[in-house]
Amino acid sequence: MPRMDITEMAFAKLYPLLVAKAERKGRTQEEVDQVTAWLTGYTPGELARLERSDVSYGDFFRNAPAMNPNRTLITGKICGVRVEEMEDSLMRDIRYLDKLVDELAKGKAMERILRKQGPDNE
């Protein structure tokens, strides 16, 4: 069976997996919604609506209201690949969300996860 392109998969199928990953480590859906909203500009209400829709994961990112310009401060590896070096901007944005949820699940403080430009940021 051929592998399905993640951008074609339903947001409604993938987002609950991110939430479950965080919840297994004692974090909440509200926190996943918070990092997702920070990254994409969607409100928690819009995220809830999208979870009940048939929007694809790719369209979720392509149609994001306001991708956070500080997302470029997210660095590190996901699946052995450095996110900041990914050439495909859509896949890079998808992996940014993966990285944020990973940091959440690892217990990182929300203030550190939600990067901001300035002297307080590493």
PDB file of N, CA and C in Angstrom:
ATOM      1  N   MET A   1       0.838  -1.177   0.000  1.00  0.00           N
ATOM      2  CA  MET A   1       0.000   0.000   0.000  1.00  0.00           C
ATOM      3  C   MET A   1       0.888   1.248   0.000  1.00  0.00           C
ATOM      4  N   PRO A   2       0.677   2.180  -0.922  1.00  0.00           N
ATOM      5  CA  PRO A   2       1.524   3.365  -0.986  1.00  0.00           C
ATOM      6  C   PRO A   2       1.289   4.277   0.225  1.00  0.00           C
ATOM      7  N   ARG A   3       2.342   4.979   0.619  1.00  0.00           N
ATOM      8  CA  ARG A   3       2.237   5.917   1.733  1.00  0.00           C
ATOM      9  C   ARG A   3       1.461   7.144   1.285  1.00  0.00           C
ATOM     10  N   MET A   4       0.594   7.622   2.160  1.00  0.00           N
ATOM     11  CA  MET A   4      -0.203   8.806   1.848  1.00  0.00           C
ATOM     12  C   MET A   4       0.595  10.063   2.194  1.00  0.00           C
ATOM     13  N   ASP A   5       0.495  11.046   1.342  1.00  0.00           N
ATOM     14  CA  ASP A   5       1.125  12.346   1.567  1.00  0.00           C
ATOM     15  C   ASP A   5       0.453  12.998   2.780  1.00  0.00           C
ATOM     16  N   ILE A   6       1.241  13.401   3.767  1.00  0.00           N
ATOM     17  CA  ILE A   6       0.681  13.984   4.989  1.00  0.00           C
ATOM     18  C   ILE A   6      -0.141  15.234   4.695  1.00  0.00           C
ATOM     19  N   THR A   7       0.215  15.965   3.646  1.00  0.00           N
ATOM     20  CA  THR A   7      -0.527  17.191   3.334  1.00  0.00           C
ATOM     21  C   THR A   7      -1.936  16.891   2.843  1.00  0.00           C
ATOM     22  N   GLU A   8      -2.161  15.660   2.381  1.00  0.00           N
ATOM     23  CA  GLU A   8      -3.490  15.267   1.892  1.00  0.00           C
ATOM     24  C   GLU A   8      -4.345  14.624   2.981  1.00  0.00           C
ATOM     25  N   MET A   9      -3.726  14.294   4.109  1.00  0.00           N
ATOM     26  CA  MET A   9      -4.472  13.665   5.199  1.00  0.00           C
ATOM     27  C   MET A   9      -5.371  14.690   5.881  1.00  0.00           C
ATOM     28  N   ALA A  10      -6.409  14.215   6.514  1.00  0.00           N
ATOM     29  CA  ALA A  10      -7.373  15.104   7.169  1.00  0.00           C
ATOM     30  C   ALA A  10      -6.794  15.683   8.460  1.00  0.00           C
ATOM     31  N   PHE A  11      -6.944  16.991   8.608  1.00  0.00           N
ATOM     32  CA  PHE A  11      -6.554  17.658   9.848  1.00  0.00           C
ATOM     33  C   PHE A  11      -7.273  16.996  11.027  1.00  0.00           C
ATOM     34  N   ALA A  12      -8.535  16.631  10.831  1.00  0.00           N
ATOM     35  CA  ALA A  12      -9.351  16.025  11.887  1.00  0.00           C
ATOM     36  C   ALA A  12      -8.785  14.682  12.355  1.00  0.00           C
ATOM     37  N   LYS A  13      -7.969  14.031  11.555  1.00  0.00           N
ATOM     38  CA  LYS A  13      -7.341  12.766  11.960  1.00  0.00           C
ATOM     39  C   LYS A  13      -5.982  13.004  12.627  1.00  0.00           C
ATOM     40  N   LEU A  14      -5.251  13.997  12.150  1.00  0.00           N
ATOM     41  CA  LEU A  14      -3.892  14.225  12.643  1.00  0.00           C
ATOM     42  C   LEU A  14      -3.828  15.057  13.923  1.00  0.00           C
ATOM     43  N   TYR A  15      -4.663  16.077  14.028  1.00  0.00           N
ATOM     44  CA  TYR A  15      -4.586  16.960  15.195  1.00  0.00           C
ATOM     45  C   TYR A  15      -4.838  16.199  16.503  1.00  0.00           C
ATOM     46  N   PRO A  16      -5.828  15.304  16.550  1.00  0.00           N
ATOM     47  CA  PRO A  16      -6.023  14.541  17.790  1.00  0.00           C
ATOM     48  C   PRO A  16      -4.804  13.699  18.176  1.00  0.00           C
ATOM     49  N   LEU A  17      -3.999  13.297  17.218  1.00  0.00           N
ATOM     50  CA  LEU A  17      -2.775  12.555  17.528  1.00  0.00           C
ATOM     51  C   LEU A  17      -1.756  13.449  18.236  1.00  0.00           C
ATOM     52  N   LEU A  18      -1.676  14.715  17.809  1.00  0.00           N
ATOM     53  CA  LEU A  18      -0.794  15.666  18.481  1.00  0.00           C
ATOM     54  C   LEU A  18      -1.276  15.913  19.912  1.00  0.00           C
ATOM     55  N   VAL A  19      -2.584  16.062  20.064  1.00  0.00           N
ATOM     56  CA  VAL A  19      -3.161  16.279  21.394  1.00  0.00           C
ATOM     57  C   VAL A  19      -2.888  15.074  22.292  1.00  0.00           C
ATOM     58  N   ALA A  20      -3.098  13.869  21.767  1.00  0.00           N
ATOM     59  CA  ALA A  20      -2.886  12.649  22.544  1.00  0.00           C
ATOM     60  C   ALA A  20      -1.422  12.535  22.987  1.00  0.00           C
ATOM     61  N   LYS A  21      -0.498  12.898  22.113  1.00  0.00           N
ATOM     62  CA  LYS A  21       0.923  12.852  22.445  1.00  0.00           C
ATOM     63  C   LYS A  21       1.211  13.749  23.647  1.00  0.00           C
ATOM     64  N   ALA A  22       0.662  14.948  23.634  1.00  0.00           N
ATOM     65  CA  ALA A  22       0.872  15.887  24.731  1.00  0.00           C
ATOM     66  C   ALA A  22       0.172  15.406  26.005  1.00  0.00           C
ATOM     67  N   GLU A  23      -1.043  14.891  25.869  1.00  0.00           N
ATOM     68  CA  GLU A  23      -1.808  14.435  27.039  1.00  0.00           C
ATOM     69  C   GLU A  23      -1.149  13.245  27.724  1.00  0.00           C
ATOM     70  N   ARG A  24      -0.499  12.378  26.945  1.00  0.00           N
ATOM     71  CA  ARG A  24       0.207  11.234  27.544  1.00  0.00           C
ATOM     72  C   ARG A  24       1.307  11.701  28.491  1.00  0.00           C
ATOM     73  N   LYS A  25       1.798  12.907  28.274  1.00  0.00           N
ATOM     74  CA  LYS A  25       2.868  13.456  29.106  1.00  0.00           C
ATOM     75  C   LYS A  25       2.347  14.490  30.109  1.00  0.00           C
ATOM     76  N   GLY A  26       1.026  14.494  30.324  1.00  0.00           N
ATOM     77  CA  GLY A  26       0.458  15.367  31.343  1.00  0.00           C
ATOM     78  C   GLY A  26       0.120  16.771  30.895  1.00  0.00           C
ATOM     79  N   ARG A  27       0.191  17.037  29.608  1.00  0.00           N
ATOM     80  CA  ARG A  27      -0.189  18.358  29.098  1.00  0.00           C
ATOM     81  C   ARG A  27      -1.643  18.305  28.637  1.00  0.00           C
ATOM     82  N   THR A  28      -2.188  19.430  28.211  1.00  0.00           N
ATOM     83  CA  THR A  28      -3.618  19.493  27.889  1.00  0.00           C
ATOM     84  C   THR A  28      -3.870  19.882  26.440  1.00  0.00           C
ATOM     85  N   GLN A  29      -5.104  19.622  25.990  1.00  0.00           N
ATOM     86  CA  GLN A  29      -5.485  20.063  24.646  1.00  0.00           C
ATOM     87  C   GLN A  29      -5.413  21.582  24.552  1.00  0.00           C
ATOM     88  N   GLU A  30      -5.766  22.265  25.624  1.00  0.00           N
ATOM     89  CA  GLU A  30      -5.708  23.730  25.612  1.00  0.00           C
ATOM     90  C   GLU A  30      -4.280  24.215  25.335  1.00  0.00           C
ATOM     91  N   GLU A  31      -3.293  23.511  25.881  1.00  0.00           N
ATOM     92  CA  GLU A  31      -1.906  23.896  25.623  1.00  0.00           C
ATOM     93  C   GLU A  31      -1.510  23.610  24.184  1.00  0.00           C
ATOM     94  N   VAL A  32      -1.970  22.495  23.629  1.00  0.00           N
ATOM     95  CA  VAL A  32      -1.701  22.197  22.221  1.00  0.00           C
ATOM     96  C   VAL A  32      -2.378  23.260  21.353  1.00  0.00           C
ATOM     97  N   ASP A  33      -3.616  23.611  21.699  1.00  0.00           N
ATOM     98  CA  ASP A  33      -4.314  24.670  20.967  1.00  0.00           C
ATOM     99  C   ASP A  33      -3.545  25.989  21.056  1.00  0.00           C
ATOM    100  N   GLN A  34      -2.980  26.269  22.220  1.00  0.00           N
ATOM    101  CA  GLN A  34      -2.232  27.515  22.404  1.00  0.00           C
ATOM    102  C   GLN A  34      -1.003  27.570  21.503  1.00  0.00           C
ATOM    103  N   VAL A  35      -0.221  26.492  21.457  1.00  0.00           N
ATOM    104  CA  VAL A  35       0.965  26.522  20.598  1.00  0.00           C
ATOM    105  C   VAL A  35       0.567  26.526  19.123  1.00  0.00           C
ATOM    106  N   THR A  36      -0.533  25.843  18.791  1.00  0.00           N
ATOM    107  CA  THR A  36      -1.009  25.830  17.409  1.00  0.00           C
ATOM    108  C   THR A  36      -1.489  27.220  17.004  1.00  0.00           C
ATOM    109  N   ALA A  37      -2.209  27.882  17.898  1.00  0.00           N
ATOM    110  CA  ALA A  37      -2.683  29.248  17.625  1.00  0.00           C
ATOM    111  C   ALA A  37      -1.500  30.200  17.476  1.00  0.00           C
ATOM    112  N   TRP A  38      -0.491  30.032  18.325  1.00  0.00           N
ATOM    113  CA  TRP A  38       0.703  30.886  18.226  1.00  0.00           C
ATOM    114  C   TRP A  38       1.363  30.725  16.856  1.00  0.00           C
ATOM    115  N   LEU A  39       1.471  29.484  16.405  1.00  0.00           N
ATOM    116  CA  LEU A  39       2.139  29.204  15.135  1.00  0.00           C
ATOM    117  C   LEU A  39       1.327  29.678  13.933  1.00  0.00           C
ATOM    118  N   THR A  40       0.019  29.430  13.948  1.00  0.00           N
ATOM    119  CA  THR A  40      -0.807  29.604  12.744  1.00  0.00           C
ATOM    120  C   THR A  40      -1.721  30.810  12.727  1.00  0.00           C
ATOM    121  N   GLY A  41      -2.062  31.342  13.893  1.00  0.00           N
ATOM    122  CA  GLY A  41      -3.006  32.453  13.949  1.00  0.00           C
ATOM    123  C   GLY A  41      -4.459  32.031  14.066  1.00  0.00           C
ATOM    124  N   TYR A  42      -4.731  30.722  14.045  1.00  0.00           N
ATOM    125  CA  TYR A  42      -6.103  30.250  14.258  1.00  0.00           C
ATOM    126  C   TYR A  42      -6.487  30.464  15.717  1.00  0.00           C
ATOM    127  N   THR A  43      -7.758  30.779  15.965  1.00  0.00           N
ATOM    128  CA  THR A  43      -8.254  30.866  17.334  1.00  0.00           C
ATOM    129  C   THR A  43      -8.615  29.462  17.816  1.00  0.00           C
ATOM    130  N   PRO A  44      -8.732  29.264  19.127  1.00  0.00           N
ATOM    131  CA  PRO A  44      -9.173  27.957  19.626  1.00  0.00           C
ATOM    132  C   PRO A  44     -10.533  27.547  19.036  1.00  0.00           C
ATOM    133  N   GLY A  45     -11.427  28.486  18.849  1.00  0.00           N
ATOM    134  CA  GLY A  45     -12.722  28.171  18.236  1.00  0.00           C
ATOM    135  C   GLY A  45     -12.581  27.697  16.802  1.00  0.00           C
ATOM    136  N   GLU A  46     -11.688  28.345  16.054  1.00  0.00           N
ATOM    137  CA  GLU A  46     -11.451  27.917  14.670  1.00  0.00           C
ATOM    138  C   GLU A  46     -10.818  26.532  14.637  1.00  0.00           C
ATOM    139  N   LEU A  47      -9.927  26.256  15.569  1.00  0.00           N
ATOM    140  CA  LEU A  47      -9.312  24.924  15.633  1.00  0.00           C
ATOM    141  C   LEU A  47     -10.373  23.864  15.901  1.00  0.00           C
ATOM    142  N   ALA A  48     -11.282  24.148  16.830  1.00  0.00           N
ATOM    143  CA  ALA A  48     -12.353  23.198  17.144  1.00  0.00           C
ATOM    144  C   ALA A  48     -13.236  22.961  15.923  1.00  0.00           C
ATOM    145  N   ARG A  49     -13.530  24.023  15.181  1.00  0.00           N
ATOM    146  CA  ARG A  49     -14.347  23.880  13.969  1.00  0.00           C
ATOM    147  C   ARG A  49     -13.613  23.060  12.918  1.00  0.00           C
ATOM    148  N   LEU A  50     -12.329  23.309  12.754  1.00  0.00           N
ATOM    149  CA  LEU A  50     -11.540  22.582  11.768  1.00  0.00           C
ATOM    150  C   LEU A  50     -11.413  21.106  12.122  1.00  0.00           C
ATOM    151  N   GLU A  51     -11.428  20.790  13.415  1.00  0.00           N
ATOM    152  CA  GLU A  51     -11.382  19.384  13.838  1.00  0.00           C
ATOM    153  C   GLU A  51     -12.640  18.625  13.424  1.00  0.00           C
ATOM    154  N   ARG A  52     -13.705  19.357  13.150  1.00  0.00           N
ATOM    155  CA  ARG A  52     -14.958  18.721  12.715  1.00  0.00           C
ATOM    156  C   ARG A  52     -15.160  18.845  11.205  1.00  0.00           C
ATOM    157  N   SER A  53     -14.165  19.324  10.511  1.00  0.00           N
ATOM    158  CA  SER A  53     -14.285  19.542   9.068  1.00  0.00           C
ATOM    159  C   SER A  53     -13.486  18.489   8.306  1.00  0.00           C
ATOM    160  N   ASP A  54     -13.523  18.605   6.981  1.00  0.00           N
ATOM    161  CA  ASP A  54     -12.738  17.687   6.160  1.00  0.00           C
ATOM    162  C   ASP A  54     -11.521  18.372   5.540  1.00  0.00           C
ATOM    163  N   VAL A  55     -11.079  19.488   6.122  1.00  0.00           N
ATOM    164  CA  VAL A  55      -9.921  20.209   5.595  1.00  0.00           C
ATOM    165  C   VAL A  55      -8.678  19.320   5.687  1.00  0.00           C
ATOM    166  N   SER A  56      -7.850  19.388   4.659  1.00  0.00           N
ATOM    167  CA  SER A  56      -6.609  18.616   4.666  1.00  0.00           C
ATOM    168  C   SER A  56      -5.576  19.306   5.553  1.00  0.00           C
ATOM    169  N   TYR A  57      -4.588  18.536   5.981  1.00  0.00           N
ATOM    170  CA  TYR A  57      -3.521  19.083   6.816  1.00  0.00           C
ATOM    171  C   TYR A  57      -2.749  20.155   6.046  1.00  0.00           C
ATOM    172  N   GLY A  58      -2.524  19.911   4.766  1.00  0.00           N
ATOM    173  CA  GLY A  58      -1.835  20.906   3.946  1.00  0.00           C
ATOM    174  C   GLY A  58      -2.623  22.204   3.853  1.00  0.00           C
ATOM    175  N   ASP A  59      -3.938  22.093   3.619  1.00  0.00           N
ATOM    176  CA  ASP A  59      -4.771  23.299   3.526  1.00  0.00           C
ATOM    177  C   ASP A  59      -4.870  24.019   4.861  1.00  0.00           C
ATOM    178  N   PHE A  60      -4.819  23.274   5.960  1.00  0.00           N
ATOM    179  CA  PHE A  60      -4.809  23.891   7.281  1.00  0.00           C
ATOM    180  C   PHE A  60      -3.646  24.881   7.371  1.00  0.00           C
ATOM    181  N   PHE A  61      -2.482  24.486   6.904  1.00  0.00           N
ATOM    182  CA  PHE A  61      -1.320  25.366   6.957  1.00  0.00           C
ATOM    183  C   PHE A  61      -1.342  26.403   5.836  1.00  0.00           C
ATOM    184  N   ARG A  62      -1.730  26.003   4.631  1.00  0.00           N
ATOM    185  CA  ARG A  62      -1.770  26.950   3.505  1.00  0.00           C
ATOM    186  C   ARG A  62      -2.724  28.113   3.781  1.00  0.00           C
ATOM    187  N   ASN A  63      -3.820  27.837   4.492  1.00  0.00           N
ATOM    188  CA  ASN A  63      -4.857  28.842   4.740  1.00  0.00           C
ATOM    189  C   ASN A  63      -4.764  29.460   6.131  1.00  0.00           C
ATOM    190  N   ALA A  64      -3.681  29.220   6.817  1.00  0.00           N
ATOM    191  CA  ALA A  64      -3.525  29.766   8.168  1.00  0.00           C
ATOM    192  C   ALA A  64      -3.658  31.289   8.133  1.00  0.00           C
ATOM    193  N   PRO A  65      -4.397  31.849   9.085  1.00  0.00           N
ATOM    194  CA  PRO A  65      -4.626  33.292   9.087  1.00  0.00           C
ATOM    195  C   PRO A  65      -3.358  34.126   9.227  1.00  0.00           C
ATOM    196  N   ALA A  66      -2.408  33.668  10.052  1.00  0.00           N
ATOM    197  CA  ALA A  66      -1.216  34.483  10.294  1.00  0.00           C
ATOM    198  C   ALA A  66      -0.096  33.605  10.842  1.00  0.00           C
ATOM    199  N   MET A  67       0.686  33.026   9.948  1.00  0.00           N
ATOM    200  CA  MET A  67       1.825  32.231  10.411  1.00  0.00           C
ATOM    201  C   MET A  67       2.769  33.162  11.183  1.00  0.00           C
ATOM    202  N   ASN A  68       3.158  32.736  12.358  1.00  0.00           N
ATOM    203  CA  ASN A  68       3.979  33.563  13.233  1.00  0.00           C
ATOM    204  C   ASN A  68       5.371  33.758  12.623  1.00  0.00           C
ATOM    205  N   PRO A  69       5.779  35.016  12.458  1.00  0.00           N
ATOM    206  CA  PRO A  69       7.108  35.246  11.867  1.00  0.00           C
ATOM    207  C   PRO A  69       8.244  34.698  12.731  1.00  0.00           C
ATOM    208  N   ASN A  70       8.018  34.536  14.025  1.00  0.00           N
ATOM    209  CA  ASN A  70       9.054  34.003  14.909  1.00  0.00           C
ATOM    210  C   ASN A  70       9.179  32.484  14.838  1.00  0.00           C
ATOM    211  N   ARG A  71       8.398  31.853  13.973  1.00  0.00           N
ATOM    212  CA  ARG A  71       8.507  30.399  13.825  1.00  0.00           C
ATOM    213  C   ARG A  71       9.892  30.008  13.325  1.00  0.00           C
ATOM    214  N   THR A  72      10.576  30.924  12.668  1.00  0.00           N
ATOM    215  CA  THR A  72      11.921  30.619  12.179  1.00  0.00           C
ATOM    216  C   THR A  72      12.919  30.455  13.317  1.00  0.00           C
ATOM    217  N   LEU A  73      12.512  30.825  14.543  1.00  0.00           N
ATOM    218  CA  LEU A  73      13.368  30.629  15.713  1.00  0.00           C
ATOM    219  C   LEU A  73      13.304  29.193  16.220  1.00  0.00           C
ATOM    220  N   ILE A  74      12.377  28.392  15.676  1.00  0.00           N
ATOM    221  CA  ILE A  74      12.248  26.981  16.057  1.00  0.00           C
ATOM    222  C   ILE A  74      13.340  26.201  15.329  1.00  0.00           C
ATOM    223  N   THR A  75      14.161  25.543  16.103  1.00  0.00           N
ATOM    224  CA  THR A  75      15.252  24.764  15.515  1.00  0.00           C
ATOM    225  C   THR A  75      15.285  23.386  16.165  1.00  0.00           C
ATOM    226  N   GLY A  76      15.987  22.494  15.543  1.00  0.00           N
ATOM    227  CA  GLY A  76      16.139  21.154  16.086  1.00  0.00           C
ATOM    228  C   GLY A  76      15.713  20.107  15.082  1.00  0.00           C
ATOM    229  N   LYS A  77      15.762  18.858  15.538  1.00  0.00           N
ATOM    230  CA  LYS A  77      15.471  17.739  14.637  1.00  0.00           C
ATOM    231  C   LYS A  77      14.099  17.147  14.898  1.00  0.00           C
ATOM    232  N   ILE A  78      13.440  16.785  13.823  1.00  0.00           N
ATOM    233  CA  ILE A  78      12.204  16.002  13.841  1.00  0.00           C
ATOM    234  C   ILE A  78      12.438  14.881  12.844  1.00  0.00           C
ATOM    235  N   CYS A  79      12.276  13.662  13.297  1.00  0.00           N
ATOM    236  CA  CYS A  79      12.497  12.486  12.438  1.00  0.00           C
ATOM    237  C   CYS A  79      13.891  12.524  11.806  1.00  0.00           C
ATOM    238  N   GLY A  80      14.875  13.006  12.559  1.00  0.00           N
ATOM    239  CA  GLY A  80      16.247  13.018  12.090  1.00  0.00           C
ATOM    240  C   GLY A  80      16.601  14.127  11.117  1.00  0.00           C
ATOM    241  N   VAL A  81      15.661  15.036  10.861  1.00  0.00           N
ATOM    242  CA  VAL A  81      15.902  16.123   9.913  1.00  0.00           C
ATOM    243  C   VAL A  81      15.803  17.454  10.653  1.00  0.00           C
ATOM    244  N   ARG A  82      16.751  18.328  10.420  1.00  0.00           N
ATOM    245  CA  ARG A  82      16.719  19.654  11.051  1.00  0.00           C
ATOM    246  C   ARG A  82      15.610  20.484  10.408  1.00  0.00           C
ATOM    247  N   VAL A  83      14.661  20.948  11.222  1.00  0.00           N
ATOM    248  CA  VAL A  83      13.513  21.678  10.677  1.00  0.00           C
ATOM    249  C   VAL A  83      13.931  22.958   9.978  1.00  0.00           C
ATOM    250  N   GLU A  84      14.927  23.629  10.506  1.00  0.00           N
ATOM    251  CA  GLU A  84      15.334  24.903   9.919  1.00  0.00           C
ATOM    252  C   GLU A  84      16.008  24.734   8.557  1.00  0.00           C
ATOM    253  N   GLU A  85      16.387  23.512   8.202  1.00  0.00           N
ATOM    254  CA  GLU A  85      17.043  23.263   6.917  1.00  0.00           C
ATOM    255  C   GLU A  85      16.113  22.685   5.857  1.00  0.00           C
ATOM    256  N   MET A  86      14.856  22.459   6.209  1.00  0.00           N
ATOM    257  CA  MET A  86      13.914  21.895   5.239  1.00  0.00           C
ATOM    258  C   MET A  86      13.643  22.915   4.131  1.00  0.00           C
ATOM    259  N   GLU A  87      13.716  22.475   2.888  1.00  0.00           N
ATOM    260  CA  GLU A  87      13.520  23.375   1.765  1.00  0.00           C
ATOM    261  C   GLU A  87      12.052  23.639   1.457  1.00  0.00           C
ATOM    262  N   ASP A  88      11.210  22.637   1.616  1.00  0.00           N
ATOM    263  CA  ASP A  88       9.785  22.771   1.333  1.00  0.00           C
ATOM    264  C   ASP A  88       9.130  23.550   2.478  1.00  0.00           C
ATOM    265  N   SER A  89       8.663  24.762   2.204  1.00  0.00           N
ATOM    266  CA  SER A  89       8.132  25.622   3.263  1.00  0.00           C
ATOM    267  C   SER A  89       6.888  25.035   3.931  1.00  0.00           C
ATOM    268  N   LEU A  90       6.044  24.335   3.175  1.00  0.00           N
ATOM    269  CA  LEU A  90       4.857  23.723   3.772  1.00  0.00           C
ATOM    270  C   LEU A  90       5.259  22.618   4.750  1.00  0.00           C
ATOM    271  N   MET A  91       6.168  21.755   4.344  1.00  0.00           N
ATOM    272  CA  MET A  91       6.628  20.687   5.233  1.00  0.00           C
ATOM    273  C   MET A  91       7.359  21.268   6.441  1.00  0.00           C
ATOM    274  N   ARG A  92       8.081  22.348   6.235  1.00  0.00           N
ATOM    275  CA  ARG A  92       8.775  22.999   7.352  1.00  0.00           C
ATOM    276  C   ARG A  92       7.752  23.507   8.376  1.00  0.00           C
ATOM    277  N   ASP A  93       6.671  24.139   7.897  1.00  0.00           N
ATOM    278  CA  ASP A  93       5.636  24.621   8.812  1.00  0.00           C
ATOM    279  C   ASP A  93       4.957  23.463   9.546  1.00  0.00           C
ATOM    280  N   ILE A  94       4.712  22.363   8.851  1.00  0.00           N
ATOM    281  CA  ILE A  94       4.125  21.171   9.479  1.00  0.00           C
ATOM    282  C   ILE A  94       5.055  20.650  10.566  1.00  0.00           C
ATOM    283  N   ARG A  95       6.324  20.595  10.274  1.00  0.00           N
ATOM    284  CA  ARG A  95       7.301  20.088  11.243  1.00  0.00           C
ATOM    285  C   ARG A  95       7.512  21.058  12.400  1.00  0.00           C
ATOM    286  N   TYR A  96       7.323  22.364  12.151  1.00  0.00           N
ATOM    287  CA  TYR A  96       7.383  23.322  13.260  1.00  0.00           C
ATOM    288  C   TYR A  96       6.334  22.956  14.308  1.00  0.00           C
ATOM    289  N   LEU A  97       5.127  22.638  13.872  1.00  0.00           N
ATOM    290  CA  LEU A  97       4.083  22.263  14.831  1.00  0.00           C
ATOM    291  C   LEU A  97       4.467  20.975  15.553  1.00  0.00           C
ATOM    292  N   ASP A  98       5.004  20.008  14.828  1.00  0.00           N
ATOM    293  CA  ASP A  98       5.477  18.773  15.470  1.00  0.00           C
ATOM    294  C   ASP A  98       6.494  19.098  16.561  1.00  0.00           C
ATOM    295  N   LYS A  99       7.425  19.973  16.251  1.00  0.00           N
ATOM    296  CA  LYS A  99       8.484  20.337  17.190  1.00  0.00           C
ATOM    297  C   LYS A  99       7.899  21.033  18.419  1.00  0.00           C
ATOM    298  N   LEU A 100       6.949  21.922  18.220  1.00  0.00           N
ATOM    299  CA  LEU A 100       6.330  22.611  19.350  1.00  0.00           C
ATOM    300  C   LEU A 100       5.613  21.630  20.275  1.00  0.00           C
ATOM    301  N   VAL A 101       4.891  20.683  19.696  1.00  0.00           N
ATOM    302  CA  VAL A 101       4.184  19.678  20.505  1.00  0.00           C
ATOM    303  C   VAL A 101       5.185  18.769  21.205  1.00  0.00           C
ATOM    304  N   ASP A 102       6.286  18.428  20.548  1.00  0.00           N
ATOM    305  CA  ASP A 102       7.340  17.636  21.194  1.00  0.00           C
ATOM    306  C   ASP A 102       7.876  18.373  22.426  1.00  0.00           C
ATOM    307  N   GLU A 103       8.132  19.658  22.279  1.00  0.00           N
ATOM    308  CA  GLU A 103       8.656  20.446  23.396  1.00  0.00           C
ATOM    309  C   GLU A 103       7.641  20.508  24.526  1.00  0.00           C
ATOM    310  N   LEU A 104       6.383  20.650  24.174  1.00  0.00           N
ATOM    311  CA  LEU A 104       5.312  20.653  25.167  1.00  0.00           C
ATOM    312  C   LEU A 104       5.294  19.324  25.921  1.00  0.00           C
ATOM    313  N   ALA A 105       5.349  18.232  25.172  1.00  0.00           N
ATOM    314  CA  ALA A 105       5.314  16.897  25.772  1.00  0.00           C
ATOM    315  C   ALA A 105       6.540  16.633  26.648  1.00  0.00           C
ATOM    316  N   LYS A 106       7.649  17.265  26.328  1.00  0.00           N
ATOM    317  CA  LYS A 106       8.871  17.081  27.126  1.00  0.00           C
ATOM    318  C   LYS A 106       8.876  17.946  28.380  1.00  0.00           C
ATOM    319  N   GLY A 107       7.812  18.720  28.579  1.00  0.00           N
ATOM    320  CA  GLY A 107       7.694  19.511  29.799  1.00  0.00           C
ATOM    321  C   GLY A 107       8.290  20.899  29.738  1.00  0.00           C
ATOM    322  N   LYS A 108       8.660  21.338  28.563  1.00  0.00           N
ATOM    323  CA  LYS A 108       9.236  22.671  28.429  1.00  0.00           C
ATOM    324  C   LYS A 108       8.185  23.723  28.808  1.00  0.00           C
ATOM    325  N   ALA A 109       8.612  24.789  29.434  1.00  0.00           N
ATOM    326  CA  ALA A 109       7.703  25.861  29.841  1.00  0.00           C
ATOM    327  C   ALA A 109       7.121  26.567  28.613  1.00  0.00           C
ATOM    328  N   MET A 110       5.865  26.942  28.709  1.00  0.00           N
ATOM    329  CA  MET A 110       5.177  27.586  27.593  1.00  0.00           C
ATOM    330  C   MET A 110       5.900  28.851  27.131  1.00  0.00           C
ATOM    331  N   GLU A 111       6.455  29.601  28.084  1.00  0.00           N
ATOM    332  CA  GLU A 111       7.166  30.839  27.724  1.00  0.00           C
ATOM    333  C   GLU A 111       8.372  30.556  26.822  1.00  0.00           C
ATOM    334  N   ARG A 112       8.985  29.378  26.985  1.00  0.00           N
ATOM    335  CA  ARG A 112      10.130  29.005  26.166  1.00  0.00           C
ATOM    336  C   ARG A 112       9.688  28.443  24.817  1.00  0.00           C
ATOM    337  N   ILE A 113       8.535  27.778  24.807  1.00  0.00           N
ATOM    338  CA  ILE A 113       8.032  27.186  23.572  1.00  0.00           C
ATOM    339  C   ILE A 113       7.610  28.276  22.589  1.00  0.00           C
ATOM    340  N   LEU A 114       6.922  29.291  23.111  1.00  0.00           N
ATOM    341  CA  LEU A 114       6.418  30.370  22.259  1.00  0.00           C
ATOM    342  C   LEU A 114       7.533  31.392  22.080  1.00  0.00           C
ATOM    343  N   ARG A 115       8.344  31.139  21.088  1.00  0.00           N
ATOM    344  CA  ARG A 115       9.527  31.962  20.857  1.00  0.00           C
ATOM    345  C   ARG A 115       9.148  33.411  20.599  1.00  0.00           C
ATOM    346  N   LYS A 116      10.043  34.266  21.045  1.00  0.00           N
ATOM    347  CA  LYS A 116       9.900  35.682  20.733  1.00  0.00           C
ATOM    348  C   LYS A 116      11.268  36.226  20.384  1.00  0.00           C
ATOM    349  N   GLN A 117      11.277  37.196  19.528  1.00  0.00           N
ATOM    350  CA  GLN A 117      12.522  37.822  19.107  1.00  0.00           C
ATOM    351  C   GLN A 117      12.993  38.723  20.229  1.00  0.00           C
ATOM    352  N   GLY A 118      14.259  38.704  20.537  1.00  0.00           N
ATOM    353  CA  GLY A 118      14.767  39.626  21.538  1.00  0.00           C
ATOM    354  C   GLY A 118      15.842  39.021  22.395  1.00  0.00           C
ATOM    355  N   PRO A 119      16.336  39.793  23.371  1.00  0.00           N
ATOM    356  CA  PRO A 119      17.469  39.357  24.186  1.00  0.00           C
ATOM    357  C   PRO A 119      17.147  38.189  25.115  1.00  0.00           C
ATOM    358  N   ASP A 120      15.877  37.984  25.472  1.00  0.00           N
ATOM    359  CA  ASP A 120      15.525  36.889  26.373  1.00  0.00           C
ATOM    360  C   ASP A 120      15.504  35.543  25.644  1.00  0.00           C
ATOM    361  N   ASN A 121      15.511  35.557  24.337  1.00  0.00           N
ATOM    362  CA  ASN A 121      15.421  34.327  23.555  1.00  0.00           C
ATOM    363  C   ASN A 121      16.807  33.769  23.285  1.00  0.00           C
ATOM    364  N   GLU A 122      16.927  32.447  23.359  1.00  0.00           N
ATOM    365  CA  GLU A 122      18.222  31.816  23.041  1.00  0.00           C
ATOM    366  C   GLU A 122      18.444  31.837  21.547  1.00  0.00           C
TER     367      GLU A 122
END
